[in-house]
Amino acid sequence: MTDNLLEDIIIKFNKLPAENQRQVAENLFAVIEDKLEDIEIGSGHWDYRIIQKEREDSTTYHIHEVYYSSDNEIQNWTQNPIELHGETLHELRANLYKVLL
């Protein structure tokens, strides 16, 4: 196993026969959907925030999705920073624009 659990899962998923991948993906999405319903976001909202990470020898800054409760208290944020990407340069620019708003 690698240090990253998600990488391990993806490696195992990719080794499955194609006909099994669809069923596994559908089951996984159902589990994720159930778990998301358990998260109490209420009528809150989310936005992008810069999170500072301190290391022994450096400080880095990353953009994360941050989730708020209905009374604007931070409830949660994504474990991993967002990755900006797009299938075209125009799409990448549009996604960057959304983050900067």
PDB file of N, CA and C in Angstrom:
ATOM      1  N   MET A   1       0.830  -1.187   0.000  1.00  0.00           N
ATOM      2  CA  MET A   1       0.000   0.000   0.000  1.00  0.00           C
ATOM      3  C   MET A   1       0.875   1.251   0.000  1.00  0.00           C
ATOM      4  N   THR A   2       0.365   2.277  -0.649  1.00  0.00           N
ATOM      5  CA  THR A   2       1.083   3.546  -0.662  1.00  0.00           C
ATOM      6  C   THR A   2       0.673   4.367   0.551  1.00  0.00           C
ATOM      7  N   ASP A   3       1.267   5.549   0.690  1.00  0.00           N
ATOM      8  CA  ASP A   3       0.922   6.436   1.795  1.00  0.00           C
ATOM      9  C   ASP A   3      -0.441   7.088   1.603  1.00  0.00           C
ATOM     10  N   ASN A   4      -0.968   7.021   0.412  1.00  0.00           N
ATOM     11  CA  ASN A   4      -2.228   7.690   0.119  1.00  0.00           C
ATOM     12  C   ASN A   4      -3.315   6.648  -0.121  1.00  0.00           C
ATOM     13  N   LEU A   5      -4.298   6.599   0.760  1.00  0.00           N
ATOM     14  CA  LEU A   5      -5.366   5.611   0.672  1.00  0.00           C
ATOM     15  C   LEU A   5      -6.135   5.743  -0.637  1.00  0.00           C
ATOM     16  N   LEU A   6      -6.396   6.972  -1.062  1.00  0.00           N
ATOM     17  CA  LEU A   6      -7.143   7.179  -2.297  1.00  0.00           C
ATOM     18  C   LEU A   6      -6.389   6.598  -3.493  1.00  0.00           C
ATOM     19  N   GLU A   7      -5.082   6.780  -3.531  1.00  0.00           N
ATOM     20  CA  GLU A   7      -4.291   6.189  -4.621  1.00  0.00           C
ATOM     21  C   GLU A   7      -4.420   4.668  -4.627  1.00  0.00           C
ATOM     22  N   ASP A   8      -4.410   4.062  -3.443  1.00  0.00           N
ATOM     23  CA  ASP A   8      -4.559   2.606  -3.341  1.00  0.00           C
ATOM     24  C   ASP A   8      -5.908   2.156  -3.892  1.00  0.00           C
ATOM     25  N   ILE A   9      -6.950   2.894  -3.554  1.00  0.00           N
ATOM     26  CA  ILE A   9      -8.282   2.549  -4.027  1.00  0.00           C
ATOM     27  C   ILE A   9      -8.355   2.652  -5.542  1.00  0.00           C
ATOM     28  N   ILE A  10      -7.790   3.718  -6.098  1.00  0.00           N
ATOM     29  CA  ILE A  10      -7.810   3.916  -7.551  1.00  0.00           C
ATOM     30  C   ILE A  10      -7.034   2.806  -8.252  1.00  0.00           C
ATOM     31  N   ILE A  11      -5.900   2.437  -7.712  1.00  0.00           N
ATOM     32  CA  ILE A  11      -5.091   1.360  -8.306  1.00  0.00           C
ATOM     33  C   ILE A  11      -5.889   0.056  -8.331  1.00  0.00           C
ATOM     34  N   LYS A  12      -6.546  -0.268  -7.220  1.00  0.00           N
ATOM     35  CA  LYS A  12      -7.343  -1.499  -7.163  1.00  0.00           C
ATOM     36  C   LYS A  12      -8.540  -1.427  -8.100  1.00  0.00           C
ATOM     37  N   PHE A  13      -9.188  -0.247  -8.155  1.00  0.00           N
ATOM     38  CA  PHE A  13     -10.332  -0.061  -9.052  1.00  0.00           C
ATOM     39  C   PHE A  13      -9.919  -0.282 -10.506  1.00  0.00           C
ATOM     40  N   ASN A  14      -8.786   0.263 -10.898  1.00  0.00           N
ATOM     41  CA  ASN A  14      -8.319   0.144 -12.280  1.00  0.00           C
ATOM     42  C   ASN A  14      -7.944  -1.285 -12.659  1.00  0.00           C
ATOM     43  N   LYS A  15      -7.688  -2.133 -11.680  1.00  0.00           N
ATOM     44  CA  LYS A  15      -7.362  -3.532 -11.950  1.00  0.00           C
ATOM     45  C   LYS A  15      -8.610  -4.399 -12.139  1.00  0.00           C
ATOM     46  N   LEU A  16      -9.779  -3.843 -11.789  1.00  0.00           N
ATOM     47  CA  LEU A  16     -11.025  -4.595 -11.956  1.00  0.00           C
ATOM     48  C   LEU A  16     -11.374  -4.722 -13.436  1.00  0.00           C
ATOM     49  N   PRO A  17     -12.074  -5.789 -13.807  1.00  0.00           N
ATOM     50  CA  PRO A  17     -12.584  -5.885 -15.178  1.00  0.00           C
ATOM     51  C   PRO A  17     -13.551  -4.720 -15.435  1.00  0.00           C
ATOM     52  N   ALA A  18     -13.590  -4.241 -16.660  1.00  0.00           N
ATOM     53  CA  ALA A  18     -14.412  -3.077 -17.020  1.00  0.00           C
ATOM     54  C   ALA A  18     -15.870  -3.262 -16.619  1.00  0.00           C
ATOM     55  N   GLU A  19     -16.399  -4.466 -16.779  1.00  0.00           N
ATOM     56  CA  GLU A  19     -17.807  -4.687 -16.458  1.00  0.00           C
ATOM     57  C   GLU A  19     -18.075  -4.536 -14.955  1.00  0.00           C
ATOM     58  N   ASN A  20     -17.070  -4.764 -14.111  1.00  0.00           N
ATOM     59  CA  ASN A  20     -17.243  -4.615 -12.670  1.00  0.00           C
ATOM     60  C   ASN A  20     -17.035  -3.169 -12.212  1.00  0.00           C
ATOM     61  N   GLN A  21     -16.258  -2.398 -12.968  1.00  0.00           N
ATOM     62  CA  GLN A  21     -15.970  -1.028 -12.570  1.00  0.00           C
ATOM     63  C   GLN A  21     -17.236  -0.187 -12.454  1.00  0.00           C
ATOM     64  N   ARG A  22     -18.159  -0.359 -13.400  1.00  0.00           N
ATOM     65  CA  ARG A  22     -19.392   0.430 -13.359  1.00  0.00           C
ATOM     66  C   ARG A  22     -20.194   0.143 -12.090  1.00  0.00           C
ATOM     67  N   GLN A  23     -20.350  -1.123 -11.738  1.00  0.00           N
ATOM     68  CA  GLN A  23     -21.117  -1.482 -10.549  1.00  0.00           C
ATOM     69  C   GLN A  23     -20.441  -0.962  -9.290  1.00  0.00           C
ATOM     70  N   VAL A  24     -19.117  -1.083  -9.219  1.00  0.00           N
ATOM     71  CA  VAL A  24     -18.389  -0.580  -8.057  1.00  0.00           C
ATOM     72  C   VAL A  24     -18.550   0.934  -7.954  1.00  0.00           C
ATOM     73  N   ALA A  25     -18.462   1.626  -9.081  1.00  0.00           N
ATOM     74  CA  ALA A  25     -18.609   3.081  -9.085  1.00  0.00           C
ATOM     75  C   ALA A  25     -20.004   3.486  -8.623  1.00  0.00           C
ATOM     76  N   GLU A  26     -21.034   2.807  -9.098  1.00  0.00           N
ATOM     77  CA  GLU A  26     -22.400   3.118  -8.683  1.00  0.00           C
ATOM     78  C   GLU A  26     -22.587   2.903  -7.184  1.00  0.00           C
ATOM     79  N   ASN A  27     -22.041   1.815  -6.664  1.00  0.00           N
ATOM     80  CA  ASN A  27     -22.133   1.549  -5.231  1.00  0.00           C
ATOM     81  C   ASN A  27     -21.388   2.608  -4.426  1.00  0.00           C
ATOM     82  N   LEU A  28     -20.218   2.995  -4.912  1.00  0.00           N
ATOM     83  CA  LEU A  28     -19.422   4.009  -4.228  1.00  0.00           C
ATOM     84  C   LEU A  28     -20.150   5.345  -4.197  1.00  0.00           C
ATOM     85  N   PHE A  29     -20.745   5.747  -5.319  1.00  0.00           N
ATOM     86  CA  PHE A  29     -21.490   7.000  -5.360  1.00  0.00           C
ATOM     87  C   PHE A  29     -22.678   6.965  -4.401  1.00  0.00           C
ATOM     88  N   ALA A  30     -23.329   5.820  -4.282  1.00  0.00           N
ATOM     89  CA  ALA A  30     -24.464   5.704  -3.357  1.00  0.00           C
ATOM     90  C   ALA A  30     -23.999   5.885  -1.913  1.00  0.00           C
ATOM     91  N   VAL A  31     -22.870   5.294  -1.570  1.00  0.00           N
ATOM     92  CA  VAL A  31     -22.329   5.437  -0.213  1.00  0.00           C
ATOM     93  C   VAL A  31     -21.939   6.886   0.051  1.00  0.00           C
ATOM     94  N   ILE A  32     -21.285   7.516  -0.906  1.00  0.00           N
ATOM     95  CA  ILE A  32     -20.878   8.914  -0.746  1.00  0.00           C
ATOM     96  C   ILE A  32     -22.102   9.809  -0.586  1.00  0.00           C
ATOM     97  N   GLU A  33     -23.118   9.566  -1.390  1.00  0.00           N
ATOM     98  CA  GLU A  33     -24.346  10.360  -1.298  1.00  0.00           C
ATOM     99  C   GLU A  33     -24.972  10.234   0.091  1.00  0.00           C
ATOM    100  N   ASP A  34     -25.012   9.002   0.634  1.00  0.00           N
ATOM    101  CA  ASP A  34     -25.552   8.802   1.979  1.00  0.00           C
ATOM    102  C   ASP A  34     -24.733   9.556   3.026  1.00  0.00           C
ATOM    103  N   LYS A  35     -23.419   9.519   2.895  1.00  0.00           N
ATOM    104  CA  LYS A  35     -22.548  10.206   3.854  1.00  0.00           C
ATOM    105  C   LYS A  35     -22.723  11.713   3.763  1.00  0.00           C
ATOM    106  N   LEU A  36     -22.872  12.238   2.558  1.00  0.00           N
ATOM    107  CA  LEU A  36     -23.056  13.677   2.394  1.00  0.00           C
ATOM    108  C   LEU A  36     -24.346  14.143   3.050  1.00  0.00           C
ATOM    109  N   GLU A  37     -25.367  13.298   3.025  1.00  0.00           N
ATOM    110  CA  GLU A  37     -26.625  13.647   3.676  1.00  0.00           C
ATOM    111  C   GLU A  37     -26.457  13.728   5.185  1.00  0.00           C
ATOM    112  N   ASP A  38     -25.468  13.015   5.727  1.00  0.00           N
ATOM    113  CA  ASP A  38     -25.226  13.034   7.163  1.00  0.00           C
ATOM    114  C   ASP A  38     -24.516  14.309   7.616  1.00  0.00           C
ATOM    115  N   ILE A  39     -23.883  15.017   6.695  1.00  0.00           N
ATOM    116  CA  ILE A  39     -23.174  16.246   7.045  1.00  0.00           C
ATOM    117  C   ILE A  39     -24.200  17.357   7.199  1.00  0.00           C
ATOM    118  N   GLU A  40     -24.188  18.004   8.330  1.00  0.00           N
ATOM    119  CA  GLU A  40     -25.153  19.065   8.591  1.00  0.00           C
ATOM    120  C   GLU A  40     -24.615  20.394   8.081  1.00  0.00           C
ATOM    121  N   ILE A  41     -25.009  20.734   6.884  1.00  0.00           N
ATOM    122  CA  ILE A  41     -24.643  22.032   6.346  1.00  0.00           C
ATOM    123  C   ILE A  41     -25.827  22.975   6.490  1.00  0.00           C
ATOM    124  N   GLY A  42     -27.017  22.435   6.674  1.00  0.00           N
ATOM    125  CA  GLY A  42     -28.203  23.246   6.866  1.00  0.00           C
ATOM    126  C   GLY A  42     -28.405  24.180   5.688  1.00  0.00           C
ATOM    127  N   SER A  43     -28.776  25.403   5.999  1.00  0.00           N
ATOM    128  CA  SER A  43     -28.965  26.376   4.928  1.00  0.00           C
ATOM    129  C   SER A  43     -27.690  27.182   4.730  1.00  0.00           C
ATOM    130  N   GLY A  44     -26.574  26.634   5.156  1.00  0.00           N
ATOM    131  CA  GLY A  44     -25.295  27.313   5.039  1.00  0.00           C
ATOM    132  C   GLY A  44     -24.827  27.388   3.605  1.00  0.00           C
ATOM    133  N   HIS A  45     -23.596  27.737   3.447  1.00  0.00           N
ATOM    134  CA  HIS A  45     -23.018  27.910   2.124  1.00  0.00           C
ATOM    135  C   HIS A  45     -21.545  27.516   2.164  1.00  0.00           C
ATOM    136  N   TRP A  46     -20.881  27.661   1.040  1.00  0.00           N
ATOM    137  CA  TRP A  46     -19.455  27.382   0.981  1.00  0.00           C
ATOM    138  C   TRP A  46     -18.806  28.414   0.072  1.00  0.00           C
ATOM    139  N   ASP A  47     -17.495  28.546   0.240  1.00  0.00           N
ATOM    140  CA  ASP A  47     -16.707  29.373  -0.661  1.00  0.00           C
ATOM    141  C   ASP A  47     -15.269  28.880  -0.637  1.00  0.00           C
ATOM    142  N   TYR A  48     -14.425  29.543  -1.387  1.00  0.00           N
ATOM    143  CA  TYR A  48     -13.009  29.199  -1.400  1.00  0.00           C
ATOM    144  C   TYR A  48     -12.282  30.064  -0.377  1.00  0.00           C
ATOM    145  N   ARG A  49     -11.348  29.458   0.326  1.00  0.00           N
ATOM    146  CA  ARG A  49     -10.529  30.184   1.284  1.00  0.00           C
ATOM    147  C   ARG A  49      -9.084  29.741   1.131  1.00  0.00           C
ATOM    148  N   ILE A  50      -8.178  30.632   1.451  1.00  0.00           N
ATOM    149  CA  ILE A  50      -6.758  30.299   1.459  1.00  0.00           C
ATOM    150  C   ILE A  50      -6.415  29.784   2.851  1.00  0.00           C
ATOM    151  N   ILE A  51      -5.794  28.618   2.896  1.00  0.00           N
ATOM    152  CA  ILE A  51      -5.382  28.023   4.164  1.00  0.00           C
ATOM    153  C   ILE A  51      -3.865  27.953   4.183  1.00  0.00           C
ATOM    154  N   GLN A  52      -3.295  28.463   5.258  1.00  0.00           N
ATOM    155  CA  GLN A  52      -1.847  28.469   5.441  1.00  0.00           C
ATOM    156  C   GLN A  52      -1.425  27.185   6.134  1.00  0.00           C
ATOM    157  N   LYS A  53      -0.396  26.536   5.603  1.00  0.00           N
ATOM    158  CA  LYS A  53       0.112  25.303   6.201  1.00  0.00           C
ATOM    159  C   LYS A  53       1.568  25.520   6.595  1.00  0.00           C
ATOM    160  N   GLU A  54       1.837  25.271   7.848  1.00  0.00           N
ATOM    161  CA  GLU A  54       3.182  25.441   8.389  1.00  0.00           C
ATOM    162  C   GLU A  54       3.908  24.105   8.404  1.00  0.00           C
ATOM    163  N   ARG A  55       5.093  24.099   7.904  1.00  0.00           N
ATOM    164  CA  ARG A  55       5.980  22.943   7.974  1.00  0.00           C
ATOM    165  C   ARG A  55       7.208  23.377   8.767  1.00  0.00           C
ATOM    166  N   GLU A  56       8.066  22.423   9.096  1.00  0.00           N
ATOM    167  CA  GLU A  56       9.278  22.769   9.840  1.00  0.00           C
ATOM    168  C   GLU A  56      10.113  23.812   9.105  1.00  0.00           C
ATOM    169  N   ASP A  57      10.245  23.625   7.801  1.00  0.00           N
ATOM    170  CA  ASP A  57      11.155  24.483   7.044  1.00  0.00           C
ATOM    171  C   ASP A  57      10.473  25.424   6.059  1.00  0.00           C
ATOM    172  N   SER A  58       9.129  25.434   6.024  1.00  0.00           N
ATOM    173  CA  SER A  58       8.465  26.301   5.055  1.00  0.00           C
ATOM    174  C   SER A  58       7.008  26.545   5.434  1.00  0.00           C
ATOM    175  N   THR A  59       6.470  27.552   4.811  1.00  0.00           N
ATOM    176  CA  THR A  59       5.051  27.869   4.913  1.00  0.00           C
ATOM    177  C   THR A  59       4.492  27.869   3.509  1.00  0.00           C
ATOM    178  N   THR A  60       3.346  27.204   3.312  1.00  0.00           N
ATOM    179  CA  THR A  60       2.712  27.195   1.998  1.00  0.00           C
ATOM    180  C   THR A  60       1.260  27.614   2.147  1.00  0.00           C
ATOM    181  N   TYR A  61       0.676  28.054   1.038  1.00  0.00           N
ATOM    182  CA  TYR A  61      -0.709  28.503   1.015  1.00  0.00           C
ATOM    183  C   TYR A  61      -1.459  27.711  -0.042  1.00  0.00           C
ATOM    184  N   HIS A  62      -2.670  27.283   0.294  1.00  0.00           N
ATOM    185  CA  HIS A  62      -3.464  26.446  -0.592  1.00  0.00           C
ATOM    186  C   HIS A  62      -4.907  26.943  -0.599  1.00  0.00           C
ATOM    187  N   ILE A  63      -5.617  26.712  -1.711  1.00  0.00           N
ATOM    188  CA  ILE A  63      -7.018  27.090  -1.808  1.00  0.00           C
ATOM    189  C   ILE A  63      -7.877  25.863  -1.509  1.00  0.00           C
ATOM    190  N   HIS A  64      -8.792  26.019  -0.548  1.00  0.00           N
ATOM    191  CA  HIS A  64      -9.692  24.935  -0.146  1.00  0.00           C
ATOM    192  C   HIS A  64     -11.135  25.413  -0.228  1.00  0.00           C
ATOM    193  N   GLU A  65     -12.056  24.470  -0.366  1.00  0.00           N
ATOM    194  CA  GLU A  65     -13.472  24.776  -0.207  1.00  0.00           C
ATOM    195  C   GLU A  65     -13.754  24.765   1.292  1.00  0.00           C
ATOM    196  N   VAL A  66     -14.413  25.822   1.779  1.00  0.00           N
ATOM    197  CA  VAL A  66     -14.749  25.937   3.196  1.00  0.00           C
ATOM    198  C   VAL A  66     -16.267  25.996   3.309  1.00  0.00           C
ATOM    199  N   TYR A  67     -16.817  25.192   4.212  1.00  0.00           N
ATOM    200  CA  TYR A  67     -18.260  25.074   4.389  1.00  0.00           C
ATOM    201  C   TYR A  67     -18.680  25.748   5.691  1.00  0.00           C
ATOM    202  N   TYR A  68     -19.807  26.487   5.629  1.00  0.00           N
ATOM    203  CA  TYR A  68     -20.300  27.259   6.758  1.00  0.00           C
ATOM    204  C   TYR A  68     -21.668  26.759   7.191  1.00  0.00           C
ATOM    205  N   SER A  69     -21.968  26.952   8.462  1.00  0.00           N
ATOM    206  CA  SER A  69     -23.306  26.650   8.978  1.00  0.00           C
ATOM    207  C   SER A  69     -24.238  27.801   8.619  1.00  0.00           C
ATOM    208  N   SER A  70     -25.508  27.654   8.949  1.00  0.00           N
ATOM    209  CA  SER A  70     -26.480  28.698   8.638  1.00  0.00           C
ATOM    210  C   SER A  70     -26.204  29.999   9.403  1.00  0.00           C
ATOM    211  N   ASP A  71     -25.434  29.919  10.502  1.00  0.00           N
ATOM    212  CA  ASP A  71     -25.077  31.139  11.230  1.00  0.00           C
ATOM    213  C   ASP A  71     -23.653  31.609  10.895  1.00  0.00           C
ATOM    214  N   ASN A  72     -23.166  31.193   9.737  1.00  0.00           N
ATOM    215  CA  ASN A  72     -21.878  31.631   9.171  1.00  0.00           C
ATOM    216  C   ASN A  72     -20.648  31.202   9.970  1.00  0.00           C
ATOM    217  N   GLU A  73     -20.767  30.156  10.755  1.00  0.00           N
ATOM    218  CA  GLU A  73     -19.610  29.592  11.438  1.00  0.00           C
ATOM    219  C   GLU A  73     -18.988  28.541  10.529  1.00  0.00           C
ATOM    220  N   ILE A  74     -17.656  28.520  10.448  1.00  0.00           N
ATOM    221  CA  ILE A  74     -16.981  27.503   9.637  1.00  0.00           C
ATOM    222  C   ILE A  74     -17.261  26.138  10.253  1.00  0.00           C
ATOM    223  N   GLN A  75     -17.773  25.220   9.412  1.00  0.00           N
ATOM    224  CA  GLN A  75     -18.063  23.862   9.870  1.00  0.00           C
ATOM    225  C   GLN A  75     -16.987  22.880   9.432  1.00  0.00           C
ATOM    226  N   ASN A  76     -16.485  23.073   8.219  1.00  0.00           N
ATOM    227  CA  ASN A  76     -15.588  22.079   7.658  1.00  0.00           C
ATOM    228  C   ASN A  76     -14.867  22.670   6.466  1.00  0.00           C
ATOM    229  N   TRP A  77     -13.794  22.019   6.040  1.00  0.00           N
ATOM    230  CA  TRP A  77     -13.119  22.378   4.793  1.00  0.00           C
ATOM    231  C   TRP A  77     -12.562  21.113   4.183  1.00  0.00           C
ATOM    232  N   THR A  78     -12.284  21.190   2.903  1.00  0.00           N
ATOM    233  CA  THR A  78     -11.795  20.006   2.194  1.00  0.00           C
ATOM    234  C   THR A  78     -10.408  19.637   2.696  1.00  0.00           C
ATOM    235  N   GLN A  79     -10.149  18.346   2.739  1.00  0.00           N
ATOM    236  CA  GLN A  79      -8.852  17.856   3.207  1.00  0.00           C
ATOM    237  C   GLN A  79      -7.748  18.265   2.243  1.00  0.00           C
ATOM    238  N   ASN A  80      -8.022  18.143   0.961  1.00  0.00           N
ATOM    239  CA  ASN A  80      -7.028  18.481  -0.054  1.00  0.00           C
ATOM    240  C   ASN A  80      -7.387  19.792  -0.722  1.00  0.00           C
ATOM    241  N   PRO A  81      -6.379  20.564  -1.116  1.00  0.00           N
ATOM    242  CA  PRO A  81      -6.674  21.813  -1.825  1.00  0.00           C
ATOM    243  C   PRO A  81      -7.281  21.523  -3.182  1.00  0.00           C
ATOM    244  N   ILE A  82      -7.971  22.522  -3.728  1.00  0.00           N
ATOM    245  CA  ILE A  82      -8.549  22.347  -5.054  1.00  0.00           C
ATOM    246  C   ILE A  82      -7.430  22.326  -6.084  1.00  0.00           C
ATOM    247  N   GLU A  83      -7.707  21.713  -7.210  1.00  0.00           N
ATOM    248  CA  GLU A  83      -6.785  21.714  -8.340  1.00  0.00           C
ATOM    249  C   GLU A  83      -7.501  22.377  -9.499  1.00  0.00           C
ATOM    250  N   LEU A  84      -6.991  23.489  -9.937  1.00  0.00           N
ATOM    251  CA  LEU A  84      -7.605  24.161 -11.074  1.00  0.00           C
ATOM    252  C   LEU A  84      -7.210  23.436 -12.352  1.00  0.00           C
ATOM    253  N   HIS A  85      -8.194  23.179 -13.189  1.00  0.00           N
ATOM    254  CA  HIS A  85      -7.938  22.529 -14.468  1.00  0.00           C
ATOM    255  C   HIS A  85      -9.076  22.842 -15.421  1.00  0.00           C
ATOM    256  N   GLY A  86      -8.873  22.518 -16.642  1.00  0.00           N
ATOM    257  CA  GLY A  86      -9.897  22.686 -17.660  1.00  0.00           C
ATOM    258  C   GLY A  86      -9.513  21.885 -18.886  1.00  0.00           C
ATOM    259  N   GLU A  87     -10.505  21.534 -19.671  1.00  0.00           N
ATOM    260  CA  GLU A  87     -10.217  20.782 -20.898  1.00  0.00           C
ATOM    261  C   GLU A  87      -9.671  21.698 -21.990  1.00  0.00           C
ATOM    262  N   THR A  88      -9.869  22.988 -21.818  1.00  0.00           N
ATOM    263  CA  THR A  88      -9.312  23.980 -22.743  1.00  0.00           C
ATOM    264  C   THR A  88      -8.732  25.113 -21.907  1.00  0.00           C
ATOM    265  N   LEU A  89      -7.924  25.935 -22.515  1.00  0.00           N
ATOM    266  CA  LEU A  89      -7.370  27.080 -21.816  1.00  0.00           C
ATOM    267  C   LEU A  89      -8.495  28.020 -21.376  1.00  0.00           C
ATOM    268  N   HIS A  90      -9.496  28.188 -22.225  1.00  0.00           N
ATOM    269  CA  HIS A  90     -10.646  29.031 -21.887  1.00  0.00           C
ATOM    270  C   HIS A  90     -11.365  28.502 -20.637  1.00  0.00           C
ATOM    271  N   GLU A  91     -11.565  27.198 -20.560  1.00  0.00           N
ATOM    272  CA  GLU A  91     -12.233  26.591 -19.405  1.00  0.00           C
ATOM    273  C   GLU A  91     -11.402  26.768 -18.138  1.00  0.00           C
ATOM    274  N   LEU A  92     -10.094  26.628 -18.260  1.00  0.00           N
ATOM    275  CA  LEU A  92      -9.208  26.839 -17.116  1.00  0.00           C
ATOM    276  C   LEU A  92      -9.326  28.275 -16.619  1.00  0.00           C
ATOM    277  N   ARG A  93      -9.317  29.226 -17.538  1.00  0.00           N
ATOM    278  CA  ARG A  93      -9.452  30.633 -17.150  1.00  0.00           C
ATOM    279  C   ARG A  93     -10.799  30.881 -16.470  1.00  0.00           C
ATOM    280  N   ALA A  94     -11.863  30.271 -16.979  1.00  0.00           N
ATOM    281  CA  ALA A  94     -13.196  30.441 -16.386  1.00  0.00           C
ATOM    282  C   ALA A  94     -13.217  29.872 -14.969  1.00  0.00           C
ATOM    283  N   ASN A  95     -12.594  28.734 -14.757  1.00  0.00           N
ATOM    284  CA  ASN A  95     -12.546  28.131 -13.429  1.00  0.00           C
ATOM    285  C   ASN A  95     -11.718  28.986 -12.474  1.00  0.00           C
ATOM    286  N   LEU A  96     -10.636  29.536 -12.950  1.00  0.00           N
ATOM    287  CA  LEU A  96      -9.818  30.429 -12.129  1.00  0.00           C
ATOM    288  C   LEU A  96     -10.620  31.664 -11.745  1.00  0.00           C
ATOM    289  N   TYR A  97     -11.373  32.201 -12.674  1.00  0.00           N
ATOM    290  CA  TYR A  97     -12.197  33.374 -12.420  1.00  0.00           C
ATOM    291  C   TYR A  97     -13.208  33.098 -11.300  1.00  0.00           C
ATOM    292  N   LYS A  98     -13.819  31.910 -11.318  1.00  0.00           N
ATOM    293  CA  LYS A  98     -14.792  31.533 -10.275  1.00  0.00           C
ATOM    294  C   LYS A  98     -14.148  31.544  -8.899  1.00  0.00           C
ATOM    295  N   VAL A  99     -12.907  31.083  -8.811  1.00  0.00           N
ATOM    296  CA  VAL A  99     -12.195  31.025  -7.538  1.00  0.00           C
ATOM    297  C   VAL A  99     -11.870  32.437  -7.056  1.00  0.00           C
ATOM    298  N   LEU A 100     -11.523  33.309  -7.966  1.00  0.00           N
ATOM    299  CA  LEU A 100     -11.101  34.652  -7.598  1.00  0.00           C
ATOM    300  C   LEU A 100     -12.247  35.561  -7.205  1.00  0.00           C
ATOM    301  N   LEU A 101     -13.470  35.205  -7.532  1.00  0.00           N
ATOM    302  CA  LEU A 101     -14.622  36.059  -7.191  1.00  0.00           C
ATOM    303  C   LEU A 101     -14.833  36.185  -5.711  1.00  0.00           C
TER     304      LEU A 101
END
